[in-house]
Amino acid sequence: MKFFVMKNSFKIVGLVAIGSFIYLGFTNYPKLDLISGFSAKSMASVHFIDGRSQASIEQGDNDIPLVKLATNQIDDKASFATASVFGLKTRKAIYRNGLGATLIDDSFDVQKPYLVPKRTPNPSKLPYPYGTSEAKDSLFANIDYALLQKTVANAFDVGAKTDKRSRAVLVIYKDHIIAEQYGPGFSKNSKLLGWSMTKSLTATYFGILQKQGKINLNAQVTIPEWKNDPRAKITLNDLLHMNSGLAWEEQYDKICDATQMLFQASNMGRVQLEKQASFAPNTHWNYSSGTTNLLSLILRKQFKSPKIIWIFGTAV
């Protein structure tokens, strides 16, 4: 009797385990596309642009929940990186000189010629930030440098801790660098992913165009799809302040508008464009990376030559 009871118990435990595995697989399978997409893009960007090793990237960039489940491969000869999760949902990111790393799908033609930004370097021997020479050391009587350095140092992890994970801190005061520190393995020459700092750059480009008199930030955005609905009242200023009222969800621990845009959409600029209005413009603030990509799409139309477009593109 005892043998049969144990046998039945093992069956129950086995069925529960199988059921749990199926449930977890069913609920998380859609996420695999996002996990492998993030991992491949991160791997390609950091390796081909900053020259860091696969092991370094896996330990310091992709070591976050779920993403660390990905298995990665780098092809230095063909300039691409791939990632998959348990052999499923393989994604590829390619590196192209002048454009950086791009996450692609199976329909992407890697052999197709592409436009390369035409950049004309204008080196200057002036000190930073006016040129490419080293910054001049300057002392300001009103600054407590000991306290400043202590504050900067506090932004970095000590020993084996990985709570803060800071890589670079640069403090600029009156156009002078007054404090500078880097994490292990990083320096002033390291190329770091800009992520949402690029939002500020995108806004700056619109400010330049406004100053040049080429756009009016308070004018309503001309988008054909918005012509006959409440979205027609949205201005560039509303988009720049992320209070357009457009529907948007941005939460990176789940499948949402932001993650689907970044890792599944073929045209990221249109994802926010196609969202309906949840509120009237300038009444509600909602953080939205989709809005910045929409602004990038609008920005493209300000230039006749596509060779200029990429300089202003939003990088992730």
C-alpha atoms as a PDB file:
ATOM      1  CA  MET A   1       0.000   0.000   0.000  1.00  0.00           C
ATOM      2  CA  LYS A   2       2.842   2.386   0.916  1.00  0.00           C
ATOM      3  CA  PHE A   3       4.476   1.766  -2.500  1.00  0.00           C
ATOM      4  CA  PHE A   4       1.284   2.680  -4.378  1.00  0.00           C
ATOM      5  CA  VAL A   5       0.799   5.842  -2.293  1.00  0.00           C
ATOM      6  CA  MET A   6       4.367   6.947  -3.076  1.00  0.00           C
ATOM      7  CA  LYS A   7       3.895   6.079  -6.739  1.00  0.00           C
ATOM      8  CA  ASN A   8       0.719   8.164  -6.940  1.00  0.00           C
ATOM      9  CA  SER A   9       2.430  11.032  -5.113  1.00  0.00           C
ATOM     10  CA  PHE A  10       5.238  11.036  -7.669  1.00  0.00           C
ATOM     11  CA  LYS A  11       2.661  11.113 -10.453  1.00  0.00           C
ATOM     12  CA  ILE A  12       0.914  14.099  -8.902  1.00  0.00           C
ATOM     13  CA  VAL A  13       4.196  15.951  -8.392  1.00  0.00           C
ATOM     14  CA  GLY A  14       5.182  15.157 -11.981  1.00  0.00           C
ATOM     15  CA  LEU A  15       1.867  16.386 -13.363  1.00  0.00           C
ATOM     16  CA  VAL A  16       2.109  19.581 -11.306  1.00  0.00           C
ATOM     17  CA  ALA A  17       5.656  20.154 -12.571  1.00  0.00           C
ATOM     18  CA  ILE A  18       4.628  19.588 -16.184  1.00  0.00           C
ATOM     19  CA  GLY A  19       1.590  21.826 -15.754  1.00  0.00           C
ATOM     20  CA  SER A  20       3.730  24.555 -14.224  1.00  0.00           C
ATOM     21  CA  PHE A  21       6.250  24.265 -17.052  1.00  0.00           C
ATOM     22  CA  ILE A  22       3.503  24.522 -19.670  1.00  0.00           C
ATOM     23  CA  TYR A  23       1.925  27.493 -17.888  1.00  0.00           C
ATOM     24  CA  LEU A  24       5.230  29.340 -17.566  1.00  0.00           C
ATOM     25  CA  GLY A  25       6.067  28.584 -21.181  1.00  0.00           C
ATOM     26  CA  PHE A  26       2.672  29.779 -22.420  1.00  0.00           C
ATOM     27  CA  THR A  27       2.773  33.010 -20.417  1.00  0.00           C
ATOM     28  CA  ASN A  28       6.401  33.849 -21.182  1.00  0.00           C
ATOM     29  CA  TYR A  29       6.764  32.649 -24.773  1.00  0.00           C
ATOM     30  CA  PRO A  30       5.718  36.025 -26.259  1.00  0.00           C
ATOM     31  CA  LYS A  31       8.453  37.658 -24.162  1.00  0.00           C
ATOM     32  CA  LEU A  32      11.168  35.557 -25.780  1.00  0.00           C
ATOM     33  CA  ASP A  33      11.048  37.721 -28.889  1.00  0.00           C
ATOM     34  CA  LEU A  34      11.724  40.785 -26.764  1.00  0.00           C
ATOM     35  CA  ILE A  35      14.424  39.093 -24.687  1.00  0.00           C
ATOM     36  CA  SER A  36      16.419  37.856 -27.665  1.00  0.00           C
ATOM     37  CA  GLY A  37      15.825  41.158 -29.470  1.00  0.00           C
ATOM     38  CA  PHE A  38      17.222  43.193 -26.578  1.00  0.00           C
ATOM     39  CA  SER A  39      20.171  40.844 -26.145  1.00  0.00           C
ATOM     40  CA  ALA A  40      21.149  40.802 -29.826  1.00  0.00           C
ATOM     41  CA  LYS A  41      20.864  44.575 -30.196  1.00  0.00           C
ATOM     42  CA  SER A  42      22.840  45.226 -27.023  1.00  0.00           C
ATOM     43  CA  MET A  43      25.504  42.740 -28.057  1.00  0.00           C
ATOM     44  CA  ALA A  44      25.926  44.246 -31.533  1.00  0.00           C
ATOM     45  CA  SER A  45      25.966  47.870 -30.357  1.00  0.00           C
ATOM     46  CA  VAL A  46      28.452  47.428 -27.548  1.00  0.00           C
ATOM     47  CA  HIS A  47      30.760  44.975 -29.310  1.00  0.00           C
ATOM     48  CA  PHE A  48      31.035  46.599 -32.729  1.00  0.00           C
ATOM     49  CA  ILE A  49      30.950  50.226 -31.585  1.00  0.00           C
ATOM     50  CA  ASP A  50      32.821  50.126 -28.278  1.00  0.00           C
ATOM     51  CA  GLY A  51      34.871  46.998 -28.933  1.00  0.00           C
ATOM     52  CA  ARG A  52      33.974  45.178 -25.720  1.00  0.00           C
ATOM     53  CA  SER A  53      34.005  41.393 -25.520  1.00  0.00           C
ATOM     54  CA  GLN A  54      30.960  39.127 -25.470  1.00  0.00           C
ATOM     55  CA  ALA A  55      31.760  38.013 -21.928  1.00  0.00           C
ATOM     56  CA  SER A  56      31.987  41.622 -20.746  1.00  0.00           C
ATOM     57  CA  ILE A  57      28.625  42.484 -22.300  1.00  0.00           C
ATOM     58  CA  GLU A  58      26.913  39.416 -20.864  1.00  0.00           C
ATOM     59  CA  GLN A  59      28.261  40.189 -17.404  1.00  0.00           C
ATOM     60  CA  GLY A  60      27.745  43.942 -17.369  1.00  0.00           C
ATOM     61  CA  ASP A  61      24.933  44.775 -19.816  1.00  0.00           C
ATOM     62  CA  ASN A  62      22.743  41.727 -20.410  1.00  0.00           C
ATOM     63  CA  ASP A  63      22.852  40.418 -16.841  1.00  0.00           C
ATOM     64  CA  ILE A  64      19.338  41.590 -16.046  1.00  0.00           C
ATOM     65  CA  PRO A  65      16.293  39.438 -15.273  1.00  0.00           C
ATOM     66  CA  LEU A  66      15.098  37.356 -18.239  1.00  0.00           C
ATOM     67  CA  VAL A  67      17.605  38.911 -20.662  1.00  0.00           C
ATOM     68  CA  LYS A  68      20.393  36.882 -19.063  1.00  0.00           C
ATOM     69  CA  LEU A  69      18.581  33.747 -20.256  1.00  0.00           C
ATOM     70  CA  ALA A  70      19.601  34.544 -23.831  1.00  0.00           C
ATOM     71  CA  THR A  71      22.365  32.679 -25.619  1.00  0.00           C
ATOM     72  CA  ASN A  72      24.429  35.001 -27.793  1.00  0.00           C
ATOM     73  CA  GLN A  73      26.760  34.660 -30.750  1.00  0.00           C
ATOM     74  CA  ILE A  74      28.928  37.263 -32.486  1.00  0.00           C
ATOM     75  CA  ASP A  75      30.088  37.039 -36.088  1.00  0.00           C
ATOM     76  CA  ASP A  76      32.961  39.505 -36.415  1.00  0.00           C
ATOM     77  CA  LYS A  77      33.490  38.782 -40.097  1.00  0.00           C
ATOM     78  CA  ALA A  78      29.890  39.500 -41.109  1.00  0.00           C
ATOM     79  CA  SER A  79      29.398  42.159 -38.405  1.00  0.00           C
ATOM     80  CA  PHE A  80      26.287  40.832 -36.702  1.00  0.00           C
ATOM     81  CA  ALA A  81      25.151  39.334 -33.416  1.00  0.00           C
ATOM     82  CA  THR A  82      22.375  36.824 -32.768  1.00  0.00           C
ATOM     83  CA  ALA A  83      20.539  35.810 -29.629  1.00  0.00           C
ATOM     84  CA  SER A  84      17.952  33.179 -28.724  1.00  0.00           C
ATOM     85  CA  VAL A  85      16.327  31.772 -25.605  1.00  0.00           C
ATOM     86  CA  PHE A  86      16.572  27.996 -25.267  1.00  0.00           C
ATOM     87  CA  GLY A  87      17.041  27.883 -29.038  1.00  0.00           C
ATOM     88  CA  LEU A  88      13.781  29.762 -29.637  1.00  0.00           C
ATOM     89  CA  LYS A  89      12.995  33.182 -31.127  1.00  0.00           C
ATOM     90  CA  THR A  90      16.408  33.873 -32.651  1.00  0.00           C
ATOM     91  CA  ARG A  91      16.965  37.563 -33.384  1.00  0.00           C
ATOM     92  CA  LYS A  92      19.755  39.267 -35.315  1.00  0.00           C
ATOM     93  CA  ALA A  93      21.301  42.735 -35.079  1.00  0.00           C
ATOM     94  CA  ILE A  94      23.714  43.941 -37.754  1.00  0.00           C
ATOM     95  CA  TYR A  95      26.390  46.614 -37.617  1.00  0.00           C
ATOM     96  CA  ARG A  96      26.800  49.010 -40.551  1.00  0.00           C
ATOM     97  CA  ASN A  97      29.537  51.600 -40.644  1.00  0.00           C
ATOM     98  CA  GLY A  98      28.075  55.067 -40.152  1.00  0.00           C
ATOM     99  CA  LEU A  99      24.688  53.795 -38.984  1.00  0.00           C
ATOM    100  CA  GLY A 100      25.539  51.705 -35.947  1.00  0.00           C
ATOM    101  CA  ALA A 101      23.722  48.525 -34.954  1.00  0.00           C
ATOM    102  CA  THR A 102      20.188  47.725 -36.092  1.00  0.00           C
ATOM    103  CA  LEU A 103      17.842  44.940 -35.040  1.00  0.00           C
ATOM    104  CA  ILE A 104      16.476  43.263 -38.185  1.00  0.00           C
ATOM    105  CA  ASP A 105      13.964  40.582 -39.160  1.00  0.00           C
ATOM    106  CA  ASP A 106      14.067  37.859 -41.811  1.00  0.00           C
ATOM    107  CA  SER A 107      12.761  40.190 -44.523  1.00  0.00           C
ATOM    108  CA  PHE A 108      15.732  42.552 -44.209  1.00  0.00           C
ATOM    109  CA  ASP A 109      18.124  42.479 -47.178  1.00  0.00           C
ATOM    110  CA  VAL A 110      21.613  42.718 -45.700  1.00  0.00           C
ATOM    111  CA  GLN A 111      23.134  42.973 -49.199  1.00  0.00           C
ATOM    112  CA  LYS A 112      21.131  46.032 -50.180  1.00  0.00           C
ATOM    113  CA  PRO A 113      23.254  49.210 -50.522  1.00  0.00           C
ATOM    114  CA  TYR A 114      22.536  51.887 -47.942  1.00  0.00           C
ATOM    115  CA  LEU A 115      23.151  55.586 -47.565  1.00  0.00           C
ATOM    116  CA  VAL A 116      26.031  56.577 -45.315  1.00  0.00           C
ATOM    117  CA  PRO A 117      25.938  59.892 -43.435  1.00  0.00           C
ATOM    118  CA  LYS A 118      28.291  62.438 -44.926  1.00  0.00           C
ATOM    119  CA  ARG A 119      30.140  63.891 -41.982  1.00  0.00           C
ATOM    120  CA  THR A 120      32.830  66.497 -42.468  1.00  0.00           C
ATOM    121  CA  PRO A 121      35.097  66.556 -39.404  1.00  0.00           C
ATOM    122  CA  ASN A 122      36.062  70.027 -38.314  1.00  0.00           C
ATOM    123  CA  PRO A 123      38.754  69.463 -35.702  1.00  0.00           C
ATOM    124  CA  SER A 124      39.711  72.384 -33.541  1.00  0.00           C
ATOM    125  CA  LYS A 125      42.708  72.754 -31.255  1.00  0.00           C
ATOM    126  CA  LEU A 126      40.624  74.710 -28.784  1.00  0.00           C
ATOM    127  CA  PRO A 127      40.094  73.041 -25.389  1.00  0.00           C
ATOM    128  CA  TYR A 128      36.907  71.137 -24.599  1.00  0.00           C
ATOM    129  CA  PRO A 129      34.032  71.985 -25.018  1.00  0.00           C
ATOM    130  CA  TYR A 130      34.920  74.327 -27.885  1.00  0.00           C
ATOM    131  CA  GLY A 131      37.291  71.923 -29.618  1.00  0.00           C
ATOM    132  CA  THR A 132      38.891  68.498 -29.479  1.00  0.00           C
ATOM    133  CA  SER A 133      41.867  69.361 -27.262  1.00  0.00           C
ATOM    134  CA  GLU A 134      42.043  68.441 -23.597  1.00  0.00           C
ATOM    135  CA  ALA A 135      40.025  70.543 -21.200  1.00  0.00           C
ATOM    136  CA  LYS A 136      41.890  73.205 -19.264  1.00  0.00           C
ATOM    137  CA  ASP A 137      42.249  72.674 -15.560  1.00  0.00           C
ATOM    138  CA  SER A 138      40.413  75.435 -13.760  1.00  0.00           C
ATOM    139  CA  LEU A 139      39.758  76.107 -10.113  1.00  0.00           C
ATOM    140  CA  PHE A 140      36.684  77.920  -8.874  1.00  0.00           C
ATOM    141  CA  ALA A 141      36.860  79.448  -5.413  1.00  0.00           C
ATOM    142  CA  ASN A 142      33.177  78.808  -4.754  1.00  0.00           C
ATOM    143  CA  ILE A 143      33.425  75.025  -5.217  1.00  0.00           C
ATOM    144  CA  ASP A 144      34.269  72.555  -2.445  1.00  0.00           C
ATOM    145  CA  TYR A 145      36.296  70.118  -4.563  1.00  0.00           C
ATOM    146  CA  ALA A 146      36.762  67.585  -1.773  1.00  0.00           C
ATOM    147  CA  LEU A 147      33.007  67.371  -1.228  1.00  0.00           C
ATOM    148  CA  LEU A 148      32.408  67.279  -4.980  1.00  0.00           C
ATOM    149  CA  GLN A 149      34.816  64.372  -5.512  1.00  0.00           C
ATOM    150  CA  LYS A 150      33.317  62.517  -2.556  1.00  0.00           C
ATOM    151  CA  THR A 151      29.854  62.946  -4.088  1.00  0.00           C
ATOM    152  CA  VAL A 152      31.040  61.727  -7.484  1.00  0.00           C
ATOM    153  CA  ALA A 153      32.797  58.719  -5.963  1.00  0.00           C
ATOM    154  CA  ASN A 154      29.595  57.828  -4.123  1.00  0.00           C
ATOM    155  CA  ALA A 155      27.921  57.229  -7.495  1.00  0.00           C
ATOM    156  CA  PHE A 156      30.117  54.165  -8.063  1.00  0.00           C
ATOM    157  CA  ASP A 157      30.030  50.678  -6.603  1.00  0.00           C
ATOM    158  CA  VAL A 158      32.722  49.650  -4.154  1.00  0.00           C
ATOM    159  CA  GLY A 159      34.389  46.267  -4.454  1.00  0.00           C
ATOM    160  CA  ALA A 160      32.217  43.495  -5.855  1.00  0.00           C
ATOM    161  CA  LYS A 161      28.910  45.303  -5.321  1.00  0.00           C
ATOM    162  CA  THR A 162      26.694  45.963  -8.350  1.00  0.00           C
ATOM    163  CA  ASP A 163      23.990  48.155  -6.866  1.00  0.00           C
ATOM    164  CA  LYS A 164      24.781  51.430  -8.671  1.00  0.00           C
ATOM    165  CA  ARG A 165      26.518  50.184 -11.827  1.00  0.00           C
ATOM    166  CA  SER A 166      27.676  53.682 -12.796  1.00  0.00           C
ATOM    167  CA  ARG A 167      30.125  53.826 -15.680  1.00  0.00           C
ATOM    168  CA  ALA A 168      30.896  57.490 -16.096  1.00  0.00           C
ATOM    169  CA  VAL A 169      30.229  60.697 -14.198  1.00  0.00           C
ATOM    170  CA  LEU A 170      31.224  64.034 -15.680  1.00  0.00           C
ATOM    171  CA  VAL A 171      30.500  67.322 -13.931  1.00  0.00           C
ATOM    172  CA  ILE A 172      30.647  70.477 -16.067  1.00  0.00           C
ATOM    173  CA  TYR A 173      30.490  73.968 -14.582  1.00  0.00           C
ATOM    174  CA  LYS A 174      30.742  77.119 -16.700  1.00  0.00           C
ATOM    175  CA  ASP A 175      32.015  75.076 -19.663  1.00  0.00           C
ATOM    176  CA  HIS A 176      34.780  73.492 -17.568  1.00  0.00           C
ATOM    177  CA  ILE A 177      35.079  69.880 -16.447  1.00  0.00           C
ATOM    178  CA  ILE A 178      35.419  70.089 -12.682  1.00  0.00           C
ATOM    179  CA  ALA A 179      35.030  66.389 -11.839  1.00  0.00           C
ATOM    180  CA  GLU A 180      35.400  63.187 -13.829  1.00  0.00           C
ATOM    181  CA  GLN A 181      35.385  59.508 -12.868  1.00  0.00           C
ATOM    182  CA  TYR A 182      34.883  56.183 -14.658  1.00  0.00           C
ATOM    183  CA  GLY A 183      34.011  52.672 -13.582  1.00  0.00           C
ATOM    184  CA  PRO A 184      36.374  49.697 -14.036  1.00  0.00           C
ATOM    185  CA  GLY A 185      36.944  48.969 -17.720  1.00  0.00           C
ATOM    186  CA  PHE A 186      35.663  52.358 -18.892  1.00  0.00           C
ATOM    187  CA  SER A 187      37.382  55.619 -19.770  1.00  0.00           C
ATOM    188  CA  LYS A 188      36.809  58.965 -21.470  1.00  0.00           C
ATOM    189  CA  ASN A 189      37.158  57.155 -24.792  1.00  0.00           C
ATOM    190  CA  SER A 190      34.437  54.587 -24.093  1.00  0.00           C
ATOM    191  CA  LYS A 191      31.336  54.718 -26.254  1.00  0.00           C
ATOM    192  CA  LEU A 192      28.247  54.177 -24.133  1.00  0.00           C
ATOM    193  CA  LEU A 193      24.668  53.559 -25.195  1.00  0.00           C
ATOM    194  CA  GLY A 194      22.778  56.835 -25.000  1.00  0.00           C
ATOM    195  CA  TRP A 195      19.340  55.337 -24.354  1.00  0.00           C
ATOM    196  CA  SER A 196      16.902  58.053 -23.310  1.00  0.00           C
ATOM    197  CA  MET A 197      19.552  60.759 -23.134  1.00  0.00           C
ATOM    198  CA  THR A 198      18.965  60.910 -26.884  1.00  0.00           C
ATOM    199  CA  LYS A 199      15.549  62.399 -26.149  1.00  0.00           C
ATOM    200  CA  SER A 200      17.297  65.582 -25.059  1.00  0.00           C
ATOM    201  CA  LEU A 201      19.308  65.651 -28.289  1.00  0.00           C
ATOM    202  CA  THR A 202      16.150  65.202 -30.351  1.00  0.00           C
ATOM    203  CA  ALA A 203      14.510  68.111 -28.527  1.00  0.00           C
ATOM    204  CA  THR A 204      17.634  70.198 -29.122  1.00  0.00           C
ATOM    205  CA  TYR A 205      17.368  69.674 -32.892  1.00  0.00           C
ATOM    206  CA  PHE A 206      13.838  71.073 -32.818  1.00  0.00           C
ATOM    207  CA  GLY A 207      15.089  74.025 -30.795  1.00  0.00           C
ATOM    208  CA  ILE A 208      17.732  74.718 -33.461  1.00  0.00           C
ATOM    209  CA  LEU A 209      15.119  74.592 -36.223  1.00  0.00           C
ATOM    210  CA  GLN A 210      12.883  76.929 -34.209  1.00  0.00           C
ATOM    211  CA  LYS A 211      15.720  79.415 -33.777  1.00  0.00           C
ATOM    212  CA  GLN A 212      16.432  79.219 -37.520  1.00  0.00           C
ATOM    213  CA  GLY A 213      12.800  80.073 -38.187  1.00  0.00           C
ATOM    214  CA  LYS A 214      12.181  76.829 -40.067  1.00  0.00           C
ATOM    215  CA  ILE A 215       9.452  75.497 -37.768  1.00  0.00           C
ATOM    216  CA  ASN A 216       6.937  76.779 -35.246  1.00  0.00           C
ATOM    217  CA  LEU A 217       6.844  74.646 -32.123  1.00  0.00           C
ATOM    218  CA  ASN A 218       3.374  75.942 -31.235  1.00  0.00           C
ATOM    219  CA  ALA A 219       1.931  74.929 -34.591  1.00  0.00           C
ATOM    220  CA  GLN A 220      -0.289  71.888 -34.857  1.00  0.00           C
ATOM    221  CA  VAL A 221       1.405  68.795 -36.252  1.00  0.00           C
ATOM    222  CA  THR A 222       0.429  68.036 -39.835  1.00  0.00           C
ATOM    223  CA  ILE A 223      -0.211  64.286 -39.941  1.00  0.00           C
ATOM    224  CA  PRO A 224      -2.808  63.028 -42.469  1.00  0.00           C
ATOM    225  CA  GLU A 225      -4.023  60.252 -40.147  1.00  0.00           C
ATOM    226  CA  TRP A 226      -4.888  62.854 -37.504  1.00  0.00           C
ATOM    227  CA  LYS A 227      -6.724  65.239 -39.814  1.00  0.00           C
ATOM    228  CA  ASN A 228     -10.301  64.425 -38.829  1.00  0.00           C
ATOM    229  CA  ASP A 229     -10.031  63.566 -35.134  1.00  0.00           C
ATOM    230  CA  PRO A 230      -8.983  65.228 -31.837  1.00  0.00           C
ATOM    231  CA  ARG A 231      -5.309  64.455 -32.506  1.00  0.00           C
ATOM    232  CA  ALA A 232      -5.285  67.258 -35.088  1.00  0.00           C
ATOM    233  CA  LYS A 233      -4.956  69.732 -32.193  1.00  0.00           C
ATOM    234  CA  ILE A 234      -1.630  68.287 -31.019  1.00  0.00           C
ATOM    235  CA  THR A 235       1.309  70.665 -31.412  1.00  0.00           C
ATOM    236  CA  LEU A 236       5.038  69.982 -31.666  1.00  0.00           C
ATOM    237  CA  ASN A 237       5.352  71.571 -28.246  1.00  0.00           C
ATOM    238  CA  ASP A 238       2.884  69.032 -26.850  1.00  0.00           C
ATOM    239  CA  LEU A 239       4.959  66.182 -28.269  1.00  0.00           C
ATOM    240  CA  LEU A 240       8.204  67.632 -26.961  1.00  0.00           C
ATOM    241  CA  HIS A 241       6.714  67.886 -23.467  1.00  0.00           C
ATOM    242  CA  MET A 242       5.106  64.416 -23.683  1.00  0.00           C
ATOM    243  CA  ASN A 243       1.688  65.826 -22.896  1.00  0.00           C
ATOM    244  CA  SER A 244       0.073  65.133 -26.262  1.00  0.00           C
ATOM    245  CA  GLY A 245      -2.624  62.986 -24.657  1.00  0.00           C
ATOM    246  CA  LEU A 246      -1.838  60.050 -26.945  1.00  0.00           C
ATOM    247  CA  ALA A 247      -2.268  56.592 -25.454  1.00  0.00           C
ATOM    248  CA  TRP A 248       1.001  54.941 -24.455  1.00  0.00           C
ATOM    249  CA  GLU A 249       2.296  52.354 -21.985  1.00  0.00           C
ATOM    250  CA  GLU A 250       5.977  52.173 -21.089  1.00  0.00           C
ATOM    251  CA  GLN A 251       6.924  49.484 -18.581  1.00  0.00           C
ATOM    252  CA  TYR A 252       9.966  47.382 -19.338  1.00  0.00           C
ATOM    253  CA  ASP A 253       9.186  44.306 -17.254  1.00  0.00           C
ATOM    254  CA  LYS A 254       6.289  43.338 -19.513  1.00  0.00           C
ATOM    255  CA  ILE A 255       5.054  43.361 -23.083  1.00  0.00           C
ATOM    256  CA  CYS A 256       3.822  46.884 -23.692  1.00  0.00           C
ATOM    257  CA  ASP A 257       3.792  49.637 -26.312  1.00  0.00           C
ATOM    258  CA  ALA A 258       7.435  50.545 -25.660  1.00  0.00           C
ATOM    259  CA  THR A 259       8.896  47.029 -25.803  1.00  0.00           C
ATOM    260  CA  GLN A 260       6.866  46.088 -28.860  1.00  0.00           C
ATOM    261  CA  MET A 261       8.014  49.276 -30.589  1.00  0.00           C
ATOM    262  CA  LEU A 262      11.691  48.745 -29.791  1.00  0.00           C
ATOM    263  CA  PHE A 263      11.946  45.057 -30.552  1.00  0.00           C
ATOM    264  CA  GLN A 264       9.165  44.222 -32.998  1.00  0.00           C
ATOM    265  CA  ALA A 265       8.118  47.273 -35.021  1.00  0.00           C
ATOM    266  CA  SER A 266       9.640  47.798 -38.467  1.00  0.00           C
ATOM    267  CA  ASN A 267       8.904  51.536 -38.309  1.00  0.00           C
ATOM    268  CA  MET A 268       9.234  52.793 -34.751  1.00  0.00           C
ATOM    269  CA  GLY A 269       8.170  56.304 -35.662  1.00  0.00           C
ATOM    270  CA  ARG A 270       4.675  55.185 -36.613  1.00  0.00           C
ATOM    271  CA  VAL A 271       3.857  53.267 -33.433  1.00  0.00           C
ATOM    272  CA  GLN A 272       2.950  56.372 -31.418  1.00  0.00           C
ATOM    273  CA  LEU A 273       1.441  58.006 -34.511  1.00  0.00           C
ATOM    274  CA  GLU A 274      -1.133  55.213 -34.758  1.00  0.00           C
ATOM    275  CA  LYS A 275      -2.218  55.469 -31.117  1.00  0.00           C
ATOM    276  CA  GLN A 276      -5.517  57.134 -30.320  1.00  0.00           C
ATOM    277  CA  ALA A 277      -5.947  60.095 -27.972  1.00  0.00           C
ATOM    278  CA  SER A 278      -6.673  59.255 -24.350  1.00  0.00           C
ATOM    279  CA  PHE A 279      -6.763  62.887 -23.214  1.00  0.00           C
ATOM    280  CA  ALA A 280      -6.930  66.362 -24.686  1.00  0.00           C
ATOM    281  CA  PRO A 281      -3.516  67.842 -25.524  1.00  0.00           C
ATOM    282  CA  ASN A 282      -1.657  69.657 -22.740  1.00  0.00           C
ATOM    283  CA  THR A 283      -3.790  68.179 -19.949  1.00  0.00           C
ATOM    284  CA  HIS A 284      -1.899  65.003 -18.967  1.00  0.00           C
ATOM    285  CA  TRP A 285       1.817  64.122 -18.922  1.00  0.00           C
ATOM    286  CA  ASN A 286       2.839  60.594 -19.855  1.00  0.00           C
ATOM    287  CA  TYR A 287       6.413  59.400 -20.383  1.00  0.00           C
ATOM    288  CA  SER A 288       6.681  58.028 -23.904  1.00  0.00           C
ATOM    289  CA  SER A 289       9.668  56.865 -25.934  1.00  0.00           C
ATOM    290  CA  GLY A 290       7.174  56.451 -28.739  1.00  0.00           C
ATOM    291  CA  THR A 291       6.676  60.207 -28.786  1.00  0.00           C
ATOM    292  CA  THR A 292      10.398  60.773 -29.307  1.00  0.00           C
ATOM    293  CA  ASN A 293      10.482  58.328 -32.198  1.00  0.00           C
ATOM    294  CA  LEU A 294       7.472  60.088 -33.699  1.00  0.00           C
ATOM    295  CA  LEU A 295       9.372  63.374 -33.384  1.00  0.00           C
ATOM    296  CA  SER A 296      12.293  61.744 -35.186  1.00  0.00           C
ATOM    297  CA  LEU A 297       9.943  60.767 -37.998  1.00  0.00           C
ATOM    298  CA  ILE A 298       8.676  64.354 -38.205  1.00  0.00           C
ATOM    299  CA  LEU A 299      12.254  65.629 -38.114  1.00  0.00           C
ATOM    300  CA  ARG A 300      13.176  63.614 -41.186  1.00  0.00           C
ATOM    301  CA  LYS A 301      10.712  65.590 -43.266  1.00  0.00           C
ATOM    302  CA  GLN A 302      12.599  68.801 -42.533  1.00  0.00           C
ATOM    303  CA  PHE A 303      15.476  67.761 -44.781  1.00  0.00           C
ATOM    304  CA  LYS A 304      15.621  67.199 -48.516  1.00  0.00           C
ATOM    305  CA  SER A 305      18.588  64.843 -48.458  1.00  0.00           C
ATOM    306  CA  PRO A 306      18.195  61.478 -46.698  1.00  0.00           C
ATOM    307  CA  LYS A 307      21.947  61.551 -46.087  1.00  0.00           C
ATOM    308  CA  ILE A 308      21.298  64.096 -43.365  1.00  0.00           C
ATOM    309  CA  ILE A 309      18.475  62.146 -41.765  1.00  0.00           C
ATOM    310  CA  TRP A 310      20.609  59.656 -39.895  1.00  0.00           C
ATOM    311  CA  ILE A 311      22.484  62.329 -38.005  1.00  0.00           C
ATOM    312  CA  PHE A 312      19.218  63.209 -36.320  1.00  0.00           C
ATOM    313  CA  GLY A 313      17.860  59.693 -35.830  1.00  0.00           C
ATOM    314  CA  THR A 314      17.006  58.472 -32.341  1.00  0.00           C
ATOM    315  CA  ALA A 315      19.549  55.861 -31.239  1.00  0.00           C
ATOM    316  CA  VAL A 316      18.850  53.176 -28.548  1.00  0.00           C
END
